Amino acid sequence: MSSTSDSGAIDRMRLPRLDRLIYFAPALFFGYLAALCTALILTSIFLVKVRNPEAITGAGIFGFVVTAGLGAVLLRAQLNDLRYVRFTAHADAPTNYGAVLKIMRSAGWTITSNEPGQLIDARVSDSLLSRGEWVAVRFRGHDVWIASICDPRIGFSLVARRRCRHYKELVKSAVSSAA
């Protein structure tokens, strides 16, 4: 999972291609449904022998508005979850790194990527069959950048998003107490 842009600022988690496709699949599904509704609207224009083609057009418009709206809300939530949250700590990067690594290990998270003083990527396992959520932490000077998302292979859920917020707060409190 990469995270830096050309200017050196950390913006969003960058997922591998397959994981990105899986992660955005629910939003793409809503896009597919909106396209089907558009096709229904366009088809109803040419239906002259069917009773009430206006009703079919109305149903298509309603379906389009609902699916496009839900898809947009879901896409915005997913993009927002990929964005790193930055805060400034009192300690330097190696100290912050040590505090975060300690709390991750004590919580039993699986460290997937680790560069001392720079980054830690971890997966939170909430059961034997589930890989849980992903947590990515980046360290730049006194700045700590945290992002956490639902595991793309498990799927999007509101409960998992709540846990992701909790993991961000856990990392933030670990860094705050490291000073």
N, C-alpha and C. Protein backbone atom coordinates (compact mmCIF):
# COMPACT_ATOMS: atom_id res chain seq x y z
N MET A 1 0.84 -1.18 0.00
CA MET A 1 0.00 0.00 0.00
C MET A 1 0.88 1.23 0.00
N SER A 2 0.89 1.93 -1.07
CA SER A 2 1.67 3.16 -1.20
C SER A 2 0.82 4.33 -0.74
N SER A 3 1.48 5.47 -0.49
CA SER A 3 0.67 6.56 0.03
C SER A 3 1.13 7.97 -0.31
N THR A 4 2.29 8.17 -0.88
CA THR A 4 2.76 9.54 -1.09
C THR A 4 2.50 9.98 -2.51
N SER A 5 2.30 11.29 -2.65
CA SER A 5 2.14 11.88 -3.98
C SER A 5 3.48 12.46 -4.40
N ASP A 6 3.52 13.05 -5.57
CA ASP A 6 4.77 13.61 -6.10
C ASP A 6 5.33 14.73 -5.24
N SER A 7 4.48 15.48 -4.57
CA SER A 7 4.95 16.60 -3.77
C SER A 7 5.46 16.17 -2.40
N GLY A 8 5.37 14.89 -2.06
CA GLY A 8 5.85 14.40 -0.78
C GLY A 8 4.77 14.39 0.29
N ALA A 9 3.62 15.00 0.03
CA ALA A 9 2.53 14.99 1.00
C ALA A 9 1.82 13.64 0.94
N ILE A 10 1.31 13.23 2.06
CA ILE A 10 0.58 11.97 2.13
C ILE A 10 -0.89 12.28 1.92
N ASP A 11 -1.52 11.62 0.98
CA ASP A 11 -2.91 11.93 0.72
C ASP A 11 -3.84 10.76 0.98
N ARG A 12 -3.75 9.69 0.20
CA ARG A 12 -4.66 8.56 0.34
C ARG A 12 -3.90 7.25 0.26
N MET A 13 -4.49 6.25 0.86
CA MET A 13 -3.95 4.90 0.71
C MET A 13 -4.08 4.50 -0.75
N ARG A 14 -3.08 3.88 -1.27
CA ARG A 14 -3.12 3.38 -2.65
C ARG A 14 -3.14 1.86 -2.57
N LEU A 15 -4.23 1.30 -3.03
CA LEU A 15 -4.41 -0.15 -2.97
C LEU A 15 -3.87 -0.80 -4.23
N PRO A 16 -3.42 -2.05 -4.10
CA PRO A 16 -3.06 -2.79 -5.32
C PRO A 16 -4.28 -2.89 -6.25
N ARG A 17 -4.03 -3.07 -7.52
CA ARG A 17 -5.09 -3.00 -8.54
C ARG A 17 -6.29 -3.90 -8.23
N LEU A 18 -6.06 -5.17 -7.90
CA LEU A 18 -7.17 -6.08 -7.64
C LEU A 18 -7.93 -5.67 -6.39
N ASP A 19 -7.22 -5.30 -5.34
CA ASP A 19 -7.88 -4.86 -4.11
C ASP A 19 -8.68 -3.58 -4.34
N ARG A 20 -8.17 -2.68 -5.18
CA ARG A 20 -8.89 -1.45 -5.52
C ARG A 20 -10.20 -1.78 -6.23
N LEU A 21 -10.14 -2.72 -7.17
CA LEU A 21 -11.34 -3.13 -7.89
C LEU A 21 -12.35 -3.75 -6.94
N ILE A 22 -11.88 -4.61 -6.05
CA ILE A 22 -12.78 -5.25 -5.09
C ILE A 22 -13.34 -4.21 -4.12
N TYR A 23 -12.50 -3.27 -3.68
CA TYR A 23 -12.93 -2.25 -2.72
C TYR A 23 -14.04 -1.37 -3.29
N PHE A 24 -13.90 -0.98 -4.56
CA PHE A 24 -14.89 -0.11 -5.17
C PHE A 24 -16.02 -0.86 -5.87
N ALA A 25 -16.06 -2.18 -5.79
CA ALA A 25 -17.09 -2.98 -6.45
C ALA A 25 -18.51 -2.59 -6.03
N PRO A 26 -18.80 -2.33 -4.74
CA PRO A 26 -20.17 -1.93 -4.41
C PRO A 26 -20.59 -0.63 -5.10
N ALA A 27 -19.71 0.35 -5.17
CA ALA A 27 -20.04 1.60 -5.86
C ALA A 27 -20.20 1.36 -7.35
N LEU A 28 -19.37 0.49 -7.92
CA LEU A 28 -19.51 0.16 -9.34
C LEU A 28 -20.83 -0.56 -9.61
N PHE A 29 -21.27 -1.37 -8.66
CA PHE A 29 -22.56 -2.06 -8.82
C PHE A 29 -23.70 -1.05 -8.88
N PHE A 30 -23.66 -0.03 -8.01
CA PHE A 30 -24.69 1.01 -8.07
C PHE A 30 -24.62 1.76 -9.39
N GLY A 31 -23.43 1.97 -9.92
CA GLY A 31 -23.28 2.59 -11.24
C GLY A 31 -23.91 1.73 -12.33
N TYR A 32 -23.73 0.42 -12.23
CA TYR A 32 -24.34 -0.52 -13.18
C TYR A 32 -25.86 -0.42 -13.11
N LEU A 33 -26.41 -0.39 -11.89
CA LEU A 33 -27.86 -0.28 -11.74
C LEU A 33 -28.39 1.04 -12.31
N ALA A 34 -27.63 2.11 -12.10
CA ALA A 34 -28.04 3.41 -12.66
C ALA A 34 -28.03 3.36 -14.18
N ALA A 35 -27.06 2.65 -14.77
CA ALA A 35 -27.01 2.49 -16.23
C ALA A 35 -28.22 1.69 -16.72
N LEU A 36 -28.61 0.66 -15.97
CA LEU A 36 -29.81 -0.10 -16.35
C LEU A 36 -31.06 0.77 -16.29
N CYS A 37 -31.15 1.62 -15.29
CA CYS A 37 -32.30 2.53 -15.20
C CYS A 37 -32.31 3.51 -16.36
N THR A 38 -31.13 3.98 -16.75
CA THR A 38 -31.03 4.87 -17.91
C THR A 38 -31.49 4.14 -19.18
N ALA A 39 -31.10 2.89 -19.31
CA ALA A 39 -31.55 2.10 -20.46
C ALA A 39 -33.06 1.92 -20.44
N LEU A 40 -33.63 1.73 -19.26
CA LEU A 40 -35.09 1.61 -19.15
C LEU A 40 -35.77 2.90 -19.57
N ILE A 41 -35.23 4.03 -19.17
CA ILE A 41 -35.79 5.33 -19.54
C ILE A 41 -35.74 5.51 -21.06
N LEU A 42 -34.57 5.22 -21.64
CA LEU A 42 -34.43 5.39 -23.09
C LEU A 42 -35.30 4.41 -23.87
N THR A 43 -35.45 3.21 -23.36
CA THR A 43 -36.30 2.22 -24.03
C THR A 43 -37.76 2.63 -23.97
N SER A 44 -38.18 3.20 -22.84
CA SER A 44 -39.60 3.56 -22.69
C SER A 44 -40.01 4.66 -23.67
N ILE A 45 -39.06 5.42 -24.18
CA ILE A 45 -39.39 6.46 -25.16
C ILE A 45 -39.96 5.83 -26.43
N PHE A 46 -39.47 4.64 -26.76
CA PHE A 46 -39.87 3.99 -28.01
C PHE A 46 -41.04 3.02 -27.84
N LEU A 47 -41.54 2.89 -26.62
CA LEU A 47 -42.67 1.99 -26.38
C LEU A 47 -43.98 2.75 -26.64
N VAL A 48 -44.57 2.48 -27.78
CA VAL A 48 -45.80 3.17 -28.12
C VAL A 48 -47.01 2.27 -27.95
N LYS A 49 -46.81 0.96 -27.98
CA LYS A 49 -47.94 0.04 -27.87
C LYS A 49 -48.19 -0.43 -26.44
N VAL A 50 -47.36 -0.01 -25.53
CA VAL A 50 -47.53 -0.39 -24.13
C VAL A 50 -48.33 0.68 -23.42
N ARG A 51 -49.20 0.23 -22.51
CA ARG A 51 -49.97 1.18 -21.73
C ARG A 51 -49.04 1.93 -20.77
N ASN A 52 -49.30 3.16 -20.59
CA ASN A 52 -48.60 4.01 -19.64
C ASN A 52 -47.07 3.96 -19.76
N PRO A 53 -46.52 4.33 -20.91
CA PRO A 53 -45.06 4.37 -20.99
C PRO A 53 -44.47 5.43 -20.04
N GLU A 54 -45.33 6.39 -19.64
CA GLU A 54 -44.88 7.40 -18.69
C GLU A 54 -44.57 6.78 -17.33
N ALA A 55 -45.35 5.76 -16.97
CA ALA A 55 -45.11 5.08 -15.69
C ALA A 55 -43.77 4.34 -15.72
N ILE A 56 -43.45 3.75 -16.87
CA ILE A 56 -42.17 3.06 -17.00
C ILE A 56 -41.03 4.08 -16.93
N THR A 57 -41.22 5.20 -17.60
CA THR A 57 -40.20 6.26 -17.56
C THR A 57 -40.05 6.79 -16.13
N GLY A 58 -41.15 6.98 -15.43
CA GLY A 58 -41.11 7.45 -14.05
C GLY A 58 -40.38 6.47 -13.14
N ALA A 59 -40.66 5.18 -13.34
CA ALA A 59 -39.96 4.16 -12.53
C ALA A 59 -38.47 4.17 -12.84
N GLY A 60 -38.13 4.35 -14.11
CA GLY A 60 -36.71 4.41 -14.49
C GLY A 60 -36.02 5.62 -13.88
N ILE A 61 -36.71 6.76 -13.90
CA ILE A 61 -36.13 7.98 -13.33
C ILE A 61 -35.95 7.82 -11.82
N PHE A 62 -36.98 7.28 -11.16
CA PHE A 62 -36.88 7.04 -9.71
C PHE A 62 -35.72 6.09 -9.40
N GLY A 63 -35.63 5.01 -10.14
CA GLY A 63 -34.54 4.05 -9.93
C GLY A 63 -33.18 4.68 -10.17
N PHE A 64 -33.08 5.49 -11.20
CA PHE A 64 -31.82 6.16 -11.50
C PHE A 64 -31.42 7.10 -10.36
N VAL A 65 -32.36 7.90 -9.89
CA VAL A 65 -32.06 8.87 -8.82
C VAL A 65 -31.62 8.13 -7.55
N VAL A 66 -32.34 7.07 -7.19
CA VAL A 66 -32.02 6.34 -5.97
C VAL A 66 -30.66 5.64 -6.09
N THR A 67 -30.44 4.90 -7.17
CA THR A 67 -29.18 4.15 -7.29
C THR A 67 -27.99 5.09 -7.48
N ALA A 68 -28.16 6.14 -8.27
CA ALA A 68 -27.06 7.10 -8.44
C ALA A 68 -26.75 7.80 -7.13
N GLY A 69 -27.78 8.15 -6.38
CA GLY A 69 -27.58 8.81 -5.09
C GLY A 69 -26.88 7.90 -4.08
N LEU A 70 -27.35 6.67 -3.96
CA LEU A 70 -26.71 5.72 -3.04
C LEU A 70 -25.28 5.41 -3.47
N GLY A 71 -25.08 5.26 -4.75
CA GLY A 71 -23.73 5.00 -5.26
C GLY A 71 -22.79 6.15 -4.96
N ALA A 72 -23.27 7.37 -5.12
CA ALA A 72 -22.44 8.55 -4.85
C ALA A 72 -22.10 8.65 -3.37
N VAL A 73 -23.07 8.37 -2.50
CA VAL A 73 -22.81 8.40 -1.06
C VAL A 73 -21.79 7.34 -0.67
N LEU A 74 -21.95 6.14 -1.21
CA LEU A 74 -21.02 5.06 -0.91
C LEU A 74 -19.62 5.38 -1.44
N LEU A 75 -19.52 5.88 -2.65
CA LEU A 75 -18.23 6.23 -3.23
C LEU A 75 -17.54 7.31 -2.41
N ARG A 76 -18.30 8.31 -2.00
CA ARG A 76 -17.72 9.38 -1.18
C ARG A 76 -17.20 8.82 0.15
N ALA A 77 -17.96 7.94 0.77
CA ALA A 77 -17.52 7.33 2.04
C ALA A 77 -16.25 6.51 1.83
N GLN A 78 -16.19 5.75 0.75
CA GLN A 78 -15.00 4.93 0.48
C GLN A 78 -13.78 5.81 0.21
N LEU A 79 -13.93 6.84 -0.58
CA LEU A 79 -12.81 7.74 -0.86
C LEU A 79 -12.36 8.47 0.40
N ASN A 80 -13.31 8.84 1.24
CA ASN A 80 -12.99 9.50 2.49
C ASN A 80 -12.22 8.55 3.43
N ASP A 81 -12.60 7.28 3.44
CA ASP A 81 -11.91 6.30 4.29
C ASP A 81 -10.47 6.08 3.84
N LEU A 82 -10.20 6.21 2.56
CA LEU A 82 -8.84 6.03 2.04
C LEU A 82 -7.93 7.22 2.39
N ARG A 83 -8.51 8.34 2.74
CA ARG A 83 -7.74 9.55 3.03
C ARG A 83 -7.07 9.43 4.39
N TYR A 84 -5.80 9.82 4.43
CA TYR A 84 -5.06 9.83 5.69
C TYR A 84 -5.50 11.00 6.55
N VAL A 85 -5.55 10.77 7.86
CA VAL A 85 -5.80 11.81 8.84
C VAL A 85 -4.45 12.16 9.46
N ARG A 86 -4.12 13.45 9.46
CA ARG A 86 -2.82 13.89 9.96
C ARG A 86 -2.99 14.62 11.28
N PHE A 87 -2.08 14.32 12.20
CA PHE A 87 -1.99 15.13 13.39
C PHE A 87 -0.54 15.24 13.81
N THR A 88 -0.25 16.30 14.54
CA THR A 88 1.12 16.56 14.96
C THR A 88 1.31 16.07 16.38
N ALA A 89 2.36 15.28 16.59
CA ALA A 89 2.68 14.75 17.91
C ALA A 89 3.86 15.52 18.49
N HIS A 90 4.08 15.37 19.78
CA HIS A 90 5.19 16.06 20.44
C HIS A 90 6.51 15.33 20.20
N ALA A 91 6.47 14.02 20.02
CA ALA A 91 7.69 13.24 19.86
C ALA A 91 8.10 13.18 18.39
N ASP A 92 9.31 12.69 18.14
CA ASP A 92 9.81 12.56 16.77
C ASP A 92 9.32 11.24 16.15
N ALA A 93 9.61 11.06 14.88
CA ALA A 93 9.11 9.90 14.14
C ALA A 93 9.55 8.56 14.74
N PRO A 94 10.83 8.35 15.11
CA PRO A 94 11.20 7.05 15.69
C PRO A 94 10.47 6.74 17.00
N THR A 95 10.26 7.75 17.83
CA THR A 95 9.54 7.54 19.08
C THR A 95 8.07 7.20 18.81
N ASN A 96 7.46 7.95 17.92
CA ASN A 96 6.06 7.67 17.55
C ASN A 96 5.93 6.28 16.94
N TYR A 97 6.88 5.94 16.07
CA TYR A 97 6.89 4.63 15.44
C TYR A 97 6.92 3.53 16.51
N GLY A 98 7.81 3.65 17.48
CA GLY A 98 7.93 2.65 18.54
C GLY A 98 6.65 2.50 19.34
N ALA A 99 6.01 3.62 19.67
CA ALA A 99 4.76 3.57 20.44
C ALA A 99 3.65 2.89 19.65
N VAL A 100 3.55 3.20 18.36
CA VAL A 100 2.50 2.60 17.53
C VAL A 100 2.77 1.11 17.32
N LEU A 101 4.01 0.75 17.07
CA LEU A 101 4.35 -0.66 16.88
C LEU A 101 4.04 -1.45 18.14
N LYS A 102 4.34 -0.89 19.29
CA LYS A 102 4.09 -1.57 20.56
C LYS A 102 2.59 -1.81 20.76
N ILE A 103 1.77 -0.80 20.49
CA ILE A 103 0.34 -0.97 20.69
C ILE A 103 -0.27 -1.95 19.68
N MET A 104 0.26 -1.95 18.45
CA MET A 104 -0.24 -2.89 17.44
C MET A 104 0.09 -4.33 17.82
N ARG A 105 1.31 -4.54 18.28
CA ARG A 105 1.71 -5.89 18.68
C ARG A 105 0.95 -6.36 19.91
N SER A 106 0.74 -5.47 20.87
CA SER A 106 0.01 -5.87 22.07
C SER A 106 -1.46 -6.15 21.77
N ALA A 107 -2.00 -5.51 20.73
CA ALA A 107 -3.38 -5.76 20.33
C ALA A 107 -3.52 -7.01 19.46
N GLY A 108 -2.38 -7.58 19.02
CA GLY A 108 -2.43 -8.79 18.20
C GLY A 108 -2.68 -8.55 16.73
N TRP A 109 -2.42 -7.34 16.25
CA TRP A 109 -2.60 -7.05 14.84
C TRP A 109 -1.48 -7.69 14.04
N THR A 110 -1.76 -8.05 12.82
CA THR A 110 -0.76 -8.63 11.93
C THR A 110 -0.08 -7.51 11.15
N ILE A 111 1.22 -7.36 11.35
CA ILE A 111 1.99 -6.33 10.66
C ILE A 111 2.29 -6.84 9.26
N THR A 112 1.84 -6.11 8.23
CA THR A 112 2.05 -6.54 6.85
C THR A 112 3.19 -5.80 6.17
N SER A 113 3.49 -4.60 6.64
CA SER A 113 4.59 -3.82 6.08
C SER A 113 5.14 -2.95 7.19
N ASN A 114 6.49 -2.85 7.21
CA ASN A 114 7.10 -2.20 8.34
C ASN A 114 8.44 -1.62 7.91
N GLU A 115 8.57 -0.30 7.98
CA GLU A 115 9.84 0.37 7.76
C GLU A 115 10.10 1.25 8.96
N PRO A 116 11.09 0.89 9.80
CA PRO A 116 11.32 1.61 11.05
C PRO A 116 11.40 3.13 10.87
N GLY A 117 10.59 3.82 11.67
CA GLY A 117 10.57 5.27 11.66
C GLY A 117 9.81 5.89 10.51
N GLN A 118 9.28 5.08 9.58
CA GLN A 118 8.59 5.63 8.41
C GLN A 118 7.15 5.18 8.27
N LEU A 119 6.91 3.88 8.33
CA LEU A 119 5.55 3.39 8.09
C LEU A 119 5.30 2.07 8.78
N ILE A 120 4.03 1.83 9.06
CA ILE A 120 3.54 0.54 9.54
C ILE A 120 2.19 0.30 8.87
N ASP A 121 2.04 -0.86 8.25
CA ASP A 121 0.76 -1.30 7.73
C ASP A 121 0.38 -2.55 8.50
N ALA A 122 -0.87 -2.63 8.92
CA ALA A 122 -1.31 -3.78 9.71
C ALA A 122 -2.72 -4.18 9.33
N ARG A 123 -3.02 -5.44 9.62
CA ARG A 123 -4.38 -5.95 9.45
C ARG A 123 -4.88 -6.36 10.82
N VAL A 124 -6.10 -5.98 11.10
CA VAL A 124 -6.71 -6.29 12.37
C VAL A 124 -7.59 -7.51 12.16
N SER A 125 -7.30 -8.58 12.87
CA SER A 125 -8.10 -9.80 12.75
C SER A 125 -9.10 -9.85 13.89
N ASP A 126 -10.38 -9.90 13.52
CA ASP A 126 -11.39 -9.98 14.57
C ASP A 126 -11.90 -11.40 14.78
N SER A 127 -11.49 -12.33 13.93
CA SER A 127 -11.80 -13.74 14.13
C SER A 127 -10.81 -14.56 13.31
N LEU A 128 -10.86 -15.87 13.45
CA LEU A 128 -9.96 -16.73 12.70
C LEU A 128 -10.24 -16.70 11.20
N LEU A 129 -11.50 -16.48 10.83
CA LEU A 129 -11.88 -16.52 9.42
C LEU A 129 -11.86 -15.15 8.75
N SER A 130 -11.74 -14.11 9.53
CA SER A 130 -11.83 -12.76 9.00
C SER A 130 -10.51 -12.03 9.16
N ARG A 131 -10.13 -11.29 8.13
CA ARG A 131 -8.90 -10.50 8.21
C ARG A 131 -9.18 -9.10 8.72
N GLY A 132 -10.43 -8.77 9.00
CA GLY A 132 -10.76 -7.50 9.61
C GLY A 132 -10.48 -6.29 8.75
N GLU A 133 -9.93 -5.27 9.38
CA GLU A 133 -9.69 -3.99 8.72
C GLU A 133 -8.20 -3.77 8.51
N TRP A 134 -7.88 -2.82 7.62
CA TRP A 134 -6.50 -2.44 7.35
C TRP A 134 -6.22 -1.12 8.04
N VAL A 135 -5.04 -1.03 8.64
CA VAL A 135 -4.61 0.20 9.28
C VAL A 135 -3.24 0.56 8.70
N ALA A 136 -3.09 1.80 8.23
CA ALA A 136 -1.82 2.27 7.68
C ALA A 136 -1.42 3.53 8.44
N VAL A 137 -0.17 3.54 8.93
CA VAL A 137 0.34 4.68 9.68
C VAL A 137 1.65 5.12 9.04
N ARG A 138 1.78 6.41 8.79
CA ARG A 138 2.99 6.99 8.21
C ARG A 138 3.55 8.04 9.17
N PHE A 139 4.87 8.12 9.24
CA PHE A 139 5.54 9.04 10.15
C PHE A 139 6.43 9.97 9.34
N ARG A 140 6.26 11.29 9.50
CA ARG A 140 7.09 12.30 8.86
C ARG A 140 7.39 13.38 9.89
N GLY A 141 8.59 13.35 10.45
CA GLY A 141 8.94 14.31 11.49
C GLY A 141 8.04 14.13 12.70
N HIS A 142 7.35 15.22 13.06
CA HIS A 142 6.41 15.14 14.18
C HIS A 142 4.99 14.81 13.72
N ASP A 143 4.79 14.71 12.41
CA ASP A 143 3.46 14.41 11.87
C ASP A 143 3.24 12.90 11.80
N VAL A 144 2.04 12.49 12.19
CA VAL A 144 1.63 11.09 12.10
C VAL A 144 0.38 11.07 11.22
N TRP A 145 0.39 10.21 10.22
CA TRP A 145 -0.70 10.09 9.26
C TRP A 145 -1.33 8.71 9.44
N ILE A 146 -2.66 8.65 9.61
CA ILE A 146 -3.34 7.39 9.87
C ILE A 146 -4.50 7.24 8.88
N ALA A 147 -4.62 6.03 8.33
CA ALA A 147 -5.78 5.68 7.51
C ALA A 147 -6.19 4.26 7.90
N SER A 148 -7.47 4.00 7.84
CA SER A 148 -7.97 2.67 8.15
C SER A 148 -9.20 2.40 7.30
N ILE A 149 -9.23 1.23 6.66
CA ILE A 149 -10.36 0.88 5.79
C ILE A 149 -10.82 -0.53 6.09
N CYS A 150 -12.04 -0.83 5.65
CA CYS A 150 -12.55 -2.19 5.71
C CYS A 150 -11.76 -3.03 4.71
N ASP A 151 -11.45 -4.26 5.06
CA ASP A 151 -10.73 -5.13 4.15
C ASP A 151 -11.57 -5.31 2.88
N PRO A 152 -11.02 -5.00 1.71
CA PRO A 152 -11.80 -5.09 0.47
C PRO A 152 -12.36 -6.48 0.21
N ARG A 153 -11.69 -7.51 0.65
CA ARG A 153 -12.15 -8.87 0.38
C ARG A 153 -13.27 -9.30 1.31
N ILE A 154 -13.51 -8.54 2.35
CA ILE A 154 -14.61 -8.84 3.26
C ILE A 154 -15.82 -8.01 2.91
N GLY A 155 -15.61 -6.76 2.57
CA GLY A 155 -16.71 -5.91 2.16
C GLY A 155 -16.90 -4.70 3.04
N PHE A 156 -17.69 -3.80 2.55
CA PHE A 156 -17.97 -2.53 3.21
C PHE A 156 -19.05 -2.74 4.26
N SER A 157 -18.85 -2.23 5.46
CA SER A 157 -19.90 -2.28 6.47
C SER A 157 -19.77 -1.08 7.40
N LEU A 158 -20.90 -0.66 7.93
CA LEU A 158 -20.91 0.47 8.85
C LEU A 158 -20.25 0.10 10.18
N VAL A 159 -20.40 -1.14 10.61
CA VAL A 159 -19.77 -1.60 11.85
C VAL A 159 -18.25 -1.56 11.70
N ALA A 160 -17.75 -2.04 10.57
CA ALA A 160 -16.30 -2.02 10.34
C ALA A 160 -15.79 -0.58 10.25
N ARG A 161 -16.56 0.32 9.67
CA ARG A 161 -16.14 1.73 9.61
C ARG A 161 -16.02 2.31 11.01
N ARG A 162 -16.93 1.92 11.90
CA ARG A 162 -16.86 2.38 13.29
C ARG A 162 -15.60 1.85 13.95
N ARG A 163 -15.27 0.58 13.69
CA ARG A 163 -14.04 0.00 14.24
C ARG A 163 -12.82 0.71 13.67
N CYS A 164 -12.86 1.09 12.40
CA CYS A 164 -11.73 1.82 11.80
C CYS A 164 -11.51 3.15 12.51
N ARG A 165 -12.58 3.85 12.84
CA ARG A 165 -12.44 5.10 13.60
C ARG A 165 -11.81 4.83 14.97
N HIS A 166 -12.23 3.72 15.58
CA HIS A 166 -11.65 3.35 16.88
C HIS A 166 -10.16 3.07 16.76
N TYR A 167 -9.74 2.39 15.70
CA TYR A 167 -8.31 2.08 15.51
C TYR A 167 -7.51 3.36 15.32
N LYS A 168 -8.07 4.32 14.59
CA LYS A 168 -7.38 5.61 14.41
C LYS A 168 -7.19 6.30 15.76
N GLU A 169 -8.23 6.28 16.58
CA GLU A 169 -8.13 6.89 17.91
C GLU A 169 -7.14 6.15 18.79
N LEU A 170 -7.08 4.82 18.66
CA LEU A 170 -6.13 4.02 19.44
C LEU A 170 -4.69 4.39 19.08
N VAL A 171 -4.42 4.52 17.79
CA VAL A 171 -3.08 4.92 17.34
C VAL A 171 -2.77 6.33 17.81
N LYS A 172 -3.74 7.21 17.69
CA LYS A 172 -3.54 8.60 18.10
C LYS A 172 -3.24 8.68 19.60
N SER A 173 -3.95 7.91 20.41
CA SER A 173 -3.69 7.94 21.86
C SER A 173 -2.34 7.34 22.20
N ALA A 174 -1.90 6.32 21.45
CA ALA A 174 -0.59 5.73 21.67
C ALA A 174 0.52 6.76 21.41
N VAL A 175 0.35 7.52 20.33
CA VAL A 175 1.35 8.53 19.98
C VAL A 175 1.31 9.69 20.97
N SER A 176 0.11 10.07 21.41
CA SER A 176 -0.01 11.17 22.37
C SER A 176 0.64 10.83 23.70
N SER A 177 0.55 9.57 24.12
CA SER A 177 1.13 9.17 25.39
C SER A 177 2.63 8.89 25.28
N ALA A 178 3.17 8.84 24.04
CA ALA A 178 4.59 8.55 23.84
C ALA A 178 5.47 9.76 24.12
N ALA A 179 4.88 10.92 24.18
CA ALA A 179 5.67 12.15 24.33
C ALA A 179 6.34 12.29 25.66
